[in-house]
C-alpha cells in the first residue's frame, strides 16, 4: 500500500470517526495515533533509511514546544520550509503526555519542511524517545558519555543498543 493510499485511508477513518478539524494539519494531529506513526515512520525511512543520529543536546535548534492539552499545529505551521532540524520538547510547566509528544513528532515529520526531527531523551525519558523512533524521529539528543556513567547522561554503547532494539542503526 502506497503512502497516498495510506493517507486516504487515514482521512476516511478520521471522517468516519466524526473528528472535526479546522485544517489538514489539525486532522493529522487528531487522527489515529498508530496510523499517524506509520505514515511518519515511512516518511522518515524514505528520507534517512534506518539511520538515527545521536548527538548532544543542541539548544540552538528550533523547537516545537508541546503543552498538555494544546495543539502544536500553529508552531509546526510557523516552521520555515527550508529548516534543517527541529526538536520536539515538552513544556516543563505544562508537561505533555507521551501521546501528545508522539503526535507532535509525527506531525513535524509529515507537515514541516524539517529534514531532521529530534527528541531529547532527557526531556521525555529514554523509553518514550525509543518509541518516538517509530513516529518520524531520526535524531536523539541528550548527554552521551563515552565510558562509565559519572554524573548524568547515558553511555553511548547503551544508547546505541536501545536504537538497535528499535530496529534502527546509530549514526
N, C-alpha and C. Protein backbone atom coordinates (compact mmCIF):
# COMPACT_ATOMS: atom_id res chain seq x y z
N UNK A 1 0.85 -1.17 0.00
CA UNK A 1 0.00 0.00 0.00
C UNK A 1 0.90 1.24 0.00
N UNK A 2 0.68 2.13 -0.96
CA UNK A 2 1.49 3.33 -1.08
C UNK A 2 1.12 4.39 -0.07
N UNK A 3 1.98 5.40 0.04
CA UNK A 3 1.76 6.48 1.01
C UNK A 3 0.45 7.21 0.74
N UNK A 4 0.16 7.44 -0.55
CA UNK A 4 -1.07 8.13 -0.91
C UNK A 4 -2.31 7.33 -0.49
N UNK A 5 -2.25 6.01 -0.69
CA UNK A 5 -3.36 5.15 -0.31
C UNK A 5 -3.54 5.13 1.21
N UNK A 6 -2.42 5.07 1.94
CA UNK A 6 -2.48 5.10 3.40
C UNK A 6 -3.07 6.42 3.87
N UNK A 7 -2.65 7.52 3.23
CA UNK A 7 -3.16 8.83 3.60
C UNK A 7 -4.67 8.91 3.39
N UNK A 8 -5.15 8.38 2.27
CA UNK A 8 -6.60 8.37 2.02
C UNK A 8 -7.32 7.52 3.06
N UNK A 9 -6.72 6.39 3.40
CA UNK A 9 -7.31 5.51 4.41
C UNK A 9 -7.42 6.23 5.74
N UNK A 10 -6.36 6.94 6.13
CA UNK A 10 -6.38 7.71 7.38
C UNK A 10 -7.46 8.78 7.31
N UNK A 11 -7.55 9.50 6.19
CA UNK A 11 -8.57 10.53 6.04
C UNK A 11 -9.97 9.95 6.18
N UNK A 12 -10.21 8.81 5.56
CA UNK A 12 -11.54 8.17 5.66
C UNK A 12 -11.85 7.76 7.09
N UNK A 13 -10.84 7.21 7.80
CA UNK A 13 -11.06 6.78 9.18
C UNK A 13 -11.33 7.97 10.08
N UNK A 14 -10.63 9.07 9.85
CA UNK A 14 -10.85 10.29 10.64
C UNK A 14 -12.26 10.81 10.39
N UNK A 15 -12.66 10.86 9.12
CA UNK A 15 -14.00 11.34 8.77
C UNK A 15 -15.07 10.44 9.39
N UNK A 16 -14.86 9.14 9.30
CA UNK A 16 -15.82 8.17 9.85
C UNK A 16 -15.94 8.30 11.37
N UNK A 17 -14.84 8.67 12.03
CA UNK A 17 -14.86 8.79 13.49
C UNK A 17 -15.59 10.05 13.96
N UNK A 18 -15.86 10.96 13.02
CA UNK A 18 -16.59 12.18 13.39
C UNK A 18 -15.70 13.28 13.93
N UNK A 19 -14.39 13.12 13.84
CA UNK A 19 -13.50 14.17 14.30
C UNK A 19 -13.56 15.34 13.33
N UNK A 20 -13.78 16.52 13.84
CA UNK A 20 -13.80 17.71 13.01
C UNK A 20 -12.51 18.47 13.25
N UNK A 21 -11.97 19.04 12.22
CA UNK A 21 -10.73 19.81 12.38
C UNK A 21 -10.78 21.03 11.47
N UNK A 22 -10.05 22.04 11.86
CA UNK A 22 -10.06 23.29 11.10
C UNK A 22 -9.06 23.28 9.96
N UNK A 23 -8.17 22.33 9.90
CA UNK A 23 -7.16 22.29 8.84
C UNK A 23 -6.67 20.86 8.65
N UNK A 24 -6.00 20.60 7.52
CA UNK A 24 -5.43 19.26 7.33
C UNK A 24 -4.43 18.89 8.42
N UNK A 25 -3.67 19.88 8.90
CA UNK A 25 -2.71 19.60 9.97
C UNK A 25 -3.43 19.22 11.25
N UNK A 26 -4.52 19.91 11.58
CA UNK A 26 -5.31 19.55 12.75
C UNK A 26 -5.89 18.14 12.59
N UNK A 27 -6.33 17.83 11.39
CA UNK A 27 -6.85 16.49 11.12
C UNK A 27 -5.76 15.46 11.36
N UNK A 28 -4.57 15.76 10.88
CA UNK A 28 -3.43 14.87 11.07
C UNK A 28 -3.15 14.67 12.56
N UNK A 29 -3.17 15.75 13.32
CA UNK A 29 -2.88 15.68 14.75
C UNK A 29 -3.95 14.95 15.54
N UNK A 30 -5.18 14.94 15.05
CA UNK A 30 -6.26 14.28 15.76
C UNK A 30 -6.53 12.86 15.28
N UNK A 31 -5.84 12.43 14.25
CA UNK A 31 -6.09 11.13 13.66
C UNK A 31 -5.63 9.96 14.52
N UNK A 32 -5.84 8.79 14.01
CA UNK A 32 -5.44 7.56 14.67
C UNK A 32 -3.93 7.60 14.93
N UNK A 33 -3.54 7.43 16.17
CA UNK A 33 -2.14 7.56 16.56
C UNK A 33 -1.23 6.57 15.84
N UNK A 34 -1.65 5.32 15.76
CA UNK A 34 -0.80 4.32 15.11
C UNK A 34 -0.68 4.55 13.61
N UNK A 35 -1.76 4.97 12.97
CA UNK A 35 -1.70 5.28 11.54
C UNK A 35 -0.80 6.50 11.31
N UNK A 36 -0.92 7.49 12.16
CA UNK A 36 -0.06 8.67 12.07
C UNK A 36 1.40 8.28 12.22
N UNK A 37 1.68 7.44 13.21
CA UNK A 37 3.05 6.98 13.42
C UNK A 37 3.58 6.20 12.23
N UNK A 38 2.74 5.34 11.65
CA UNK A 38 3.17 4.55 10.49
C UNK A 38 3.50 5.45 9.30
N UNK A 39 2.69 6.47 9.07
CA UNK A 39 2.97 7.41 7.98
C UNK A 39 4.28 8.16 8.21
N UNK A 40 4.45 8.65 9.44
CA UNK A 40 5.67 9.40 9.76
C UNK A 40 6.90 8.51 9.68
N UNK A 41 6.77 7.28 10.15
CA UNK A 41 7.89 6.34 10.10
C UNK A 41 8.28 6.06 8.65
N UNK A 42 7.28 5.87 7.81
CA UNK A 42 7.55 5.60 6.40
C UNK A 42 8.26 6.80 5.75
N UNK A 43 7.79 8.01 6.06
CA UNK A 43 8.42 9.21 5.51
C UNK A 43 9.85 9.36 6.01
N UNK A 44 10.06 9.07 7.27
CA UNK A 44 11.40 9.16 7.86
C UNK A 44 12.35 8.15 7.22
N UNK A 45 11.90 6.91 7.08
CA UNK A 45 12.74 5.87 6.48
C UNK A 45 13.04 6.17 5.02
N UNK A 46 12.09 6.77 4.31
CA UNK A 46 12.32 7.13 2.91
C UNK A 46 13.43 8.18 2.80
N UNK A 47 13.50 9.06 3.79
CA UNK A 47 14.49 10.13 3.78
C UNK A 47 15.84 9.70 4.35
N UNK A 48 15.81 8.89 5.42
CA UNK A 48 17.05 8.58 6.15
C UNK A 48 17.38 7.10 6.26
N UNK A 49 16.54 6.24 5.74
CA UNK A 49 16.75 4.81 5.92
C UNK A 49 16.57 4.46 7.40
N UNK A 50 17.40 3.58 7.90
CA UNK A 50 17.31 3.15 9.31
C UNK A 50 18.27 3.90 10.22
N UNK A 51 18.95 4.91 9.70
CA UNK A 51 19.98 5.61 10.47
C UNK A 51 19.38 6.64 11.42
N UNK A 52 19.82 6.58 12.66
CA UNK A 52 19.40 7.51 13.70
C UNK A 52 20.62 8.28 14.18
N UNK A 53 20.54 9.59 14.13
CA UNK A 53 21.66 10.41 14.63
C UNK A 53 21.59 10.48 16.14
N UNK A 54 22.74 10.38 16.76
CA UNK A 54 22.85 10.52 18.21
C UNK A 54 23.74 11.72 18.46
N UNK A 55 23.26 12.64 19.27
CA UNK A 55 24.06 13.83 19.49
C UNK A 55 23.81 14.48 20.82
N UNK A 56 24.64 15.42 21.11
CA UNK A 56 24.48 16.23 22.31
C UNK A 56 23.25 17.10 22.15
N UNK A 57 22.68 17.49 23.26
CA UNK A 57 21.52 18.36 23.22
C UNK A 57 21.95 19.71 22.65
N UNK A 58 21.28 20.15 21.62
CA UNK A 58 21.64 21.40 20.96
C UNK A 58 20.57 22.44 21.25
N UNK A 59 20.93 23.41 22.07
CA UNK A 59 19.98 24.45 22.47
C UNK A 59 19.64 25.37 21.30
N UNK A 60 20.48 25.38 20.25
CA UNK A 60 20.27 26.26 19.12
C UNK A 60 19.19 25.77 18.16
N UNK A 61 18.73 24.54 18.33
CA UNK A 61 17.70 24.00 17.43
C UNK A 61 16.36 24.69 17.65
N UNK A 62 15.67 25.04 16.57
CA UNK A 62 14.30 25.49 16.75
C UNK A 62 13.51 24.36 17.39
N UNK A 63 12.56 24.70 18.24
CA UNK A 63 11.83 23.66 18.96
C UNK A 63 10.33 23.84 18.81
N UNK A 64 9.64 22.72 18.74
CA UNK A 64 8.20 22.67 18.86
C UNK A 64 7.96 22.32 20.32
N UNK A 65 7.42 23.25 21.07
CA UNK A 65 7.16 23.02 22.49
C UNK A 65 5.73 22.50 22.63
N UNK A 66 5.60 21.30 23.18
CA UNK A 66 4.31 20.65 23.30
C UNK A 66 3.78 20.85 24.72
N UNK A 67 2.60 21.47 24.81
CA UNK A 67 1.96 21.72 26.10
C UNK A 67 0.77 20.80 26.27
N UNK A 68 0.53 20.38 27.48
CA UNK A 68 -0.60 19.50 27.78
C UNK A 68 -1.89 20.13 27.30
N UNK A 69 -2.66 19.37 26.53
CA UNK A 69 -3.97 19.81 26.08
C UNK A 69 -3.98 20.83 24.97
N UNK A 70 -2.83 21.21 24.43
CA UNK A 70 -2.78 22.20 23.37
C UNK A 70 -2.24 21.58 22.09
N UNK A 71 -2.74 22.03 20.97
CA UNK A 71 -2.27 21.53 19.68
C UNK A 71 -1.00 22.28 19.27
N UNK A 72 0.00 21.56 18.77
CA UNK A 72 1.21 22.22 18.29
C UNK A 72 1.10 22.68 16.84
N UNK A 73 -0.11 22.67 16.27
CA UNK A 73 -0.29 22.97 14.85
C UNK A 73 0.28 24.33 14.45
N UNK A 74 -0.01 25.37 15.24
CA UNK A 74 0.49 26.71 14.89
C UNK A 74 2.00 26.76 14.86
N UNK A 75 2.64 26.13 15.84
CA UNK A 75 4.10 26.12 15.89
C UNK A 75 4.67 25.36 14.69
N UNK A 76 4.04 24.26 14.32
CA UNK A 76 4.52 23.49 13.17
C UNK A 76 4.35 24.29 11.89
N UNK A 77 3.22 24.97 11.74
CA UNK A 77 2.99 25.80 10.55
C UNK A 77 4.01 26.93 10.46
N UNK A 78 4.45 27.44 11.60
CA UNK A 78 5.37 28.57 11.62
C UNK A 78 6.81 28.19 11.23
N UNK A 79 7.11 26.90 11.19
CA UNK A 79 8.46 26.48 10.82
C UNK A 79 8.76 26.88 9.38
N UNK A 80 9.98 27.33 9.16
CA UNK A 80 10.39 27.63 7.79
C UNK A 80 10.47 26.33 7.00
N UNK A 81 10.10 26.37 5.75
CA UNK A 81 10.09 25.15 4.94
C UNK A 81 11.49 24.62 4.66
N UNK A 82 12.50 25.45 4.80
CA UNK A 82 13.87 25.01 4.50
C UNK A 82 14.69 24.69 5.75
N UNK A 83 14.03 24.59 6.89
CA UNK A 83 14.73 24.35 8.15
C UNK A 83 15.39 22.96 8.12
N UNK A 84 16.60 22.87 8.66
CA UNK A 84 17.30 21.59 8.63
C UNK A 84 16.82 20.66 9.73
N UNK A 85 16.72 21.15 10.96
CA UNK A 85 16.35 20.30 12.09
C UNK A 85 15.40 21.02 13.02
N UNK A 86 14.55 20.23 13.69
CA UNK A 86 13.65 20.76 14.70
C UNK A 86 13.61 19.76 15.85
N UNK A 87 13.53 20.28 17.06
CA UNK A 87 13.43 19.42 18.24
C UNK A 87 12.01 19.49 18.78
N UNK A 88 11.48 18.36 19.18
CA UNK A 88 10.16 18.29 19.82
C UNK A 88 10.42 18.20 21.32
N UNK A 89 9.90 19.17 22.07
CA UNK A 89 10.16 19.23 23.50
C UNK A 89 8.87 19.46 24.28
N UNK A 90 8.72 18.80 25.43
CA UNK A 90 7.56 19.10 26.28
C UNK A 90 7.81 20.40 27.04
N UNK A 91 6.74 21.12 27.30
CA UNK A 91 6.82 22.32 28.13
C UNK A 91 6.94 21.87 29.58
N UNK A 92 8.00 22.24 30.30
CA UNK A 92 8.14 21.78 31.69
C UNK A 92 7.06 22.31 32.63
N UNK A 93 6.41 23.43 32.26
CA UNK A 93 5.36 23.99 33.11
C UNK A 93 4.02 23.31 32.90
N UNK A 94 3.81 22.75 31.73
CA UNK A 94 2.56 22.05 31.42
C UNK A 94 2.93 20.80 30.62
N UNK A 95 3.55 19.82 31.29
CA UNK A 95 4.08 18.66 30.58
C UNK A 95 3.03 17.93 29.75
N UNK A 96 3.41 17.67 28.54
CA UNK A 96 2.53 16.95 27.62
C UNK A 96 2.58 15.46 27.93
N UNK A 97 1.54 14.76 27.51
CA UNK A 97 1.53 13.31 27.66
C UNK A 97 2.43 12.69 26.59
N UNK A 98 2.76 11.44 26.77
CA UNK A 98 3.54 10.73 25.76
C UNK A 98 2.84 10.73 24.42
N UNK A 99 1.53 10.55 24.43
CA UNK A 99 0.77 10.56 23.18
C UNK A 99 0.89 11.91 22.48
N UNK A 100 0.80 13.00 23.23
CA UNK A 100 0.92 14.34 22.63
C UNK A 100 2.31 14.55 22.03
N UNK A 101 3.33 14.05 22.71
CA UNK A 101 4.70 14.16 22.19
C UNK A 101 4.83 13.38 20.88
N UNK A 102 4.32 12.15 20.86
CA UNK A 102 4.41 11.31 19.65
C UNK A 102 3.64 11.94 18.50
N UNK A 103 2.46 12.48 18.77
CA UNK A 103 1.68 13.14 17.72
C UNK A 103 2.44 14.34 17.15
N UNK A 104 3.02 15.14 18.02
CA UNK A 104 3.77 16.32 17.57
C UNK A 104 4.98 15.91 16.73
N UNK A 105 5.70 14.87 17.16
CA UNK A 105 6.87 14.41 16.39
C UNK A 105 6.45 13.93 15.01
N UNK A 106 5.40 13.13 14.96
CA UNK A 106 4.92 12.62 13.67
C UNK A 106 4.44 13.76 12.77
N UNK A 107 3.71 14.70 13.34
CA UNK A 107 3.22 15.84 12.55
C UNK A 107 4.38 16.69 12.04
N UNK A 108 5.43 16.85 12.85
CA UNK A 108 6.61 17.58 12.39
C UNK A 108 7.23 16.89 11.18
N UNK A 109 7.31 15.59 11.23
CA UNK A 109 7.89 14.84 10.11
C UNK A 109 7.04 15.00 8.85
N UNK A 110 5.72 14.94 9.01
CA UNK A 110 4.84 14.94 7.85
C UNK A 110 4.46 16.33 7.34
N UNK A 111 4.39 17.31 8.22
CA UNK A 111 3.83 18.60 7.83
C UNK A 111 4.84 19.75 7.79
N UNK A 112 6.04 19.53 8.28
CA UNK A 112 7.03 20.62 8.25
C UNK A 112 8.07 20.31 7.18
N UNK A 113 8.85 21.29 6.88
CA UNK A 113 9.91 21.09 5.90
C UNK A 113 11.22 20.65 6.54
N UNK A 114 11.20 20.33 7.82
CA UNK A 114 12.42 19.95 8.53
C UNK A 114 13.01 18.66 7.96
N UNK A 115 14.30 18.67 7.75
CA UNK A 115 14.99 17.48 7.25
C UNK A 115 15.18 16.47 8.39
N UNK A 116 15.47 16.96 9.59
CA UNK A 116 15.66 16.10 10.76
C UNK A 116 14.66 16.49 11.85
N UNK A 117 14.08 15.48 12.50
CA UNK A 117 13.19 15.69 13.64
C UNK A 117 13.88 15.03 14.83
N UNK A 118 14.13 15.83 15.86
CA UNK A 118 14.89 15.35 17.02
C UNK A 118 14.01 15.35 18.27
N UNK A 119 14.42 14.52 19.21
CA UNK A 119 13.77 14.49 20.52
C UNK A 119 14.86 14.32 21.56
N UNK A 120 14.76 15.05 22.64
CA UNK A 120 15.75 14.96 23.72
C UNK A 120 15.29 13.91 24.71
N UNK A 121 16.02 12.82 24.78
CA UNK A 121 15.59 11.73 25.67
C UNK A 121 15.61 12.16 27.13
N UNK A 122 16.41 13.13 27.47
CA UNK A 122 16.44 13.62 28.86
C UNK A 122 15.15 14.37 29.21
N UNK A 123 14.47 14.91 28.22
CA UNK A 123 13.21 15.63 28.44
C UNK A 123 12.01 14.70 28.54
N UNK A 124 12.03 13.61 27.76
CA UNK A 124 10.84 12.75 27.67
C UNK A 124 11.03 11.37 28.27
N UNK A 125 12.26 11.03 28.61
CA UNK A 125 12.55 9.68 29.10
C UNK A 125 13.05 8.80 27.97
N UNK A 126 13.91 7.89 28.30
CA UNK A 126 14.54 7.05 27.28
C UNK A 126 13.53 6.14 26.60
N UNK A 127 12.53 5.65 27.34
CA UNK A 127 11.54 4.73 26.75
C UNK A 127 10.70 5.44 25.69
N UNK A 128 10.20 6.64 26.00
CA UNK A 128 9.39 7.38 25.03
C UNK A 128 10.24 7.80 23.84
N UNK A 129 11.48 8.17 24.08
CA UNK A 129 12.38 8.54 22.98
C UNK A 129 12.58 7.35 22.05
N UNK A 130 12.70 6.16 22.60
CA UNK A 130 12.87 4.95 21.79
C UNK A 130 11.61 4.70 20.94
N UNK A 131 10.44 4.87 21.53
CA UNK A 131 9.18 4.70 20.78
C UNK A 131 9.08 5.77 19.69
N UNK A 132 9.53 6.99 19.98
CA UNK A 132 9.45 8.09 19.02
C UNK A 132 10.22 7.80 17.74
N UNK A 133 11.17 6.87 17.79
CA UNK A 133 11.90 6.49 16.58
C UNK A 133 10.96 5.87 15.54
N UNK A 134 9.81 5.40 15.97
CA UNK A 134 8.81 4.85 15.05
C UNK A 134 7.73 5.88 14.72
N UNK A 135 7.93 7.12 15.13
CA UNK A 135 6.98 8.20 14.87
C UNK A 135 7.65 9.36 14.14
N UNK A 136 8.64 9.06 13.31
CA UNK A 136 9.27 10.08 12.48
C UNK A 136 10.51 10.73 13.04
N UNK A 137 10.93 10.37 14.24
CA UNK A 137 12.13 10.96 14.83
C UNK A 137 13.37 10.25 14.29
N UNK A 138 14.36 11.03 13.87
CA UNK A 138 15.60 10.43 13.36
C UNK A 138 16.84 10.95 14.08
N UNK A 139 16.63 11.65 15.19
CA UNK A 139 17.77 12.15 15.96
C UNK A 139 17.44 12.14 17.44
N UNK A 140 18.32 11.54 18.24
CA UNK A 140 18.18 11.54 19.69
C UNK A 140 19.18 12.53 20.28
N UNK A 141 18.68 13.46 21.06
CA UNK A 141 19.52 14.46 21.71
C UNK A 141 19.67 14.13 23.18
N UNK A 142 20.76 14.56 23.75
CA UNK A 142 20.98 14.37 25.18
C UNK A 142 22.44 14.12 25.47
N UNK A 143 22.75 14.08 26.73
CA UNK A 143 24.13 13.88 27.16
C UNK A 143 24.52 12.42 26.95
N UNK A 144 25.58 12.23 26.18
CA UNK A 144 26.08 10.89 25.89
C UNK A 144 27.52 10.83 26.37
N UNK A 145 27.82 9.81 27.15
CA UNK A 145 29.18 9.63 27.65
C UNK A 145 29.85 8.52 26.86
N UNK A 146 31.15 8.55 26.81
CA UNK A 146 31.89 7.52 26.07
C UNK A 146 32.22 6.32 26.94
N UNK A 147 32.24 6.50 28.24
CA UNK A 147 32.59 5.39 29.13
C UNK A 147 31.53 5.18 30.17
N UNK A 148 31.98 4.95 31.39
CA UNK A 148 31.06 4.71 32.50
C UNK A 148 30.30 5.99 32.84
N UNK A 149 29.12 5.83 33.33
CA UNK A 149 28.28 6.95 33.72
C UNK A 149 28.86 7.60 34.97
N UNK A 150 29.15 8.89 34.89
CA UNK A 150 29.74 9.60 36.01
C UNK A 150 28.71 10.45 36.75
N UNK A 151 28.09 11.37 36.06
CA UNK A 151 27.12 12.23 36.73
C UNK A 151 25.74 12.08 36.12
N UNK A 152 25.60 12.47 34.89
CA UNK A 152 24.32 12.30 34.21
C UNK A 152 24.60 11.97 32.76
N UNK A 153 23.62 11.48 32.10
CA UNK A 153 23.80 11.09 30.71
C UNK A 153 23.61 9.60 30.56
N UNK A 154 23.99 9.12 29.41
CA UNK A 154 23.87 7.69 29.12
C UNK A 154 25.10 7.28 28.33
N UNK A 155 25.66 6.13 28.64
CA UNK A 155 26.81 5.67 27.86
C UNK A 155 26.40 5.44 26.40
N UNK A 156 27.24 5.85 25.48
CA UNK A 156 26.95 5.74 24.05
C UNK A 156 26.58 4.31 23.67
N UNK A 157 27.29 3.32 24.21
CA UNK A 157 27.01 1.92 23.87
C UNK A 157 25.59 1.52 24.26
N UNK A 158 25.13 2.01 25.40
CA UNK A 158 23.77 1.71 25.86
C UNK A 158 22.73 2.36 24.95
N UNK A 159 22.99 3.60 24.56
CA UNK A 159 22.07 4.30 23.67
C UNK A 159 22.04 3.63 22.30
N UNK A 160 23.18 3.23 21.81
CA UNK A 160 23.24 2.52 20.52
C UNK A 160 22.47 1.20 20.60
N UNK A 161 22.55 0.52 21.74
CA UNK A 161 21.81 -0.72 21.94
C UNK A 161 20.30 -0.48 21.90
N UNK A 162 19.84 0.61 22.53
CA UNK A 162 18.42 0.96 22.51
C UNK A 162 17.96 1.27 21.08
N UNK A 163 18.81 1.93 20.32
CA UNK A 163 18.48 2.24 18.92
C UNK A 163 18.38 0.94 18.12
N UNK A 164 19.32 0.02 18.32
CA UNK A 164 19.27 -1.28 17.63
C UNK A 164 18.01 -2.06 17.99
N UNK A 165 17.63 -2.03 19.26
CA UNK A 165 16.42 -2.75 19.70
C UNK A 165 15.16 -2.14 19.09
N UNK A 166 15.24 -0.89 18.66
CA UNK A 166 14.11 -0.25 17.98
C UNK A 166 14.14 -0.54 16.48
N UNK A 167 15.09 -1.37 16.06
CA UNK A 167 15.17 -1.75 14.65
C UNK A 167 15.89 -0.75 13.78
N UNK A 168 16.74 0.08 14.38
CA UNK A 168 17.47 1.11 13.65
C UNK A 168 18.96 0.96 13.88
N UNK A 169 19.74 1.79 13.22
CA UNK A 169 21.19 1.78 13.45
C UNK A 169 21.65 3.18 13.82
N UNK A 170 22.51 3.26 14.79
CA UNK A 170 23.02 4.54 15.27
C UNK A 170 24.06 5.09 14.30
N UNK A 171 23.97 6.37 14.03
CA UNK A 171 24.93 7.03 13.13
C UNK A 171 25.91 7.84 13.94
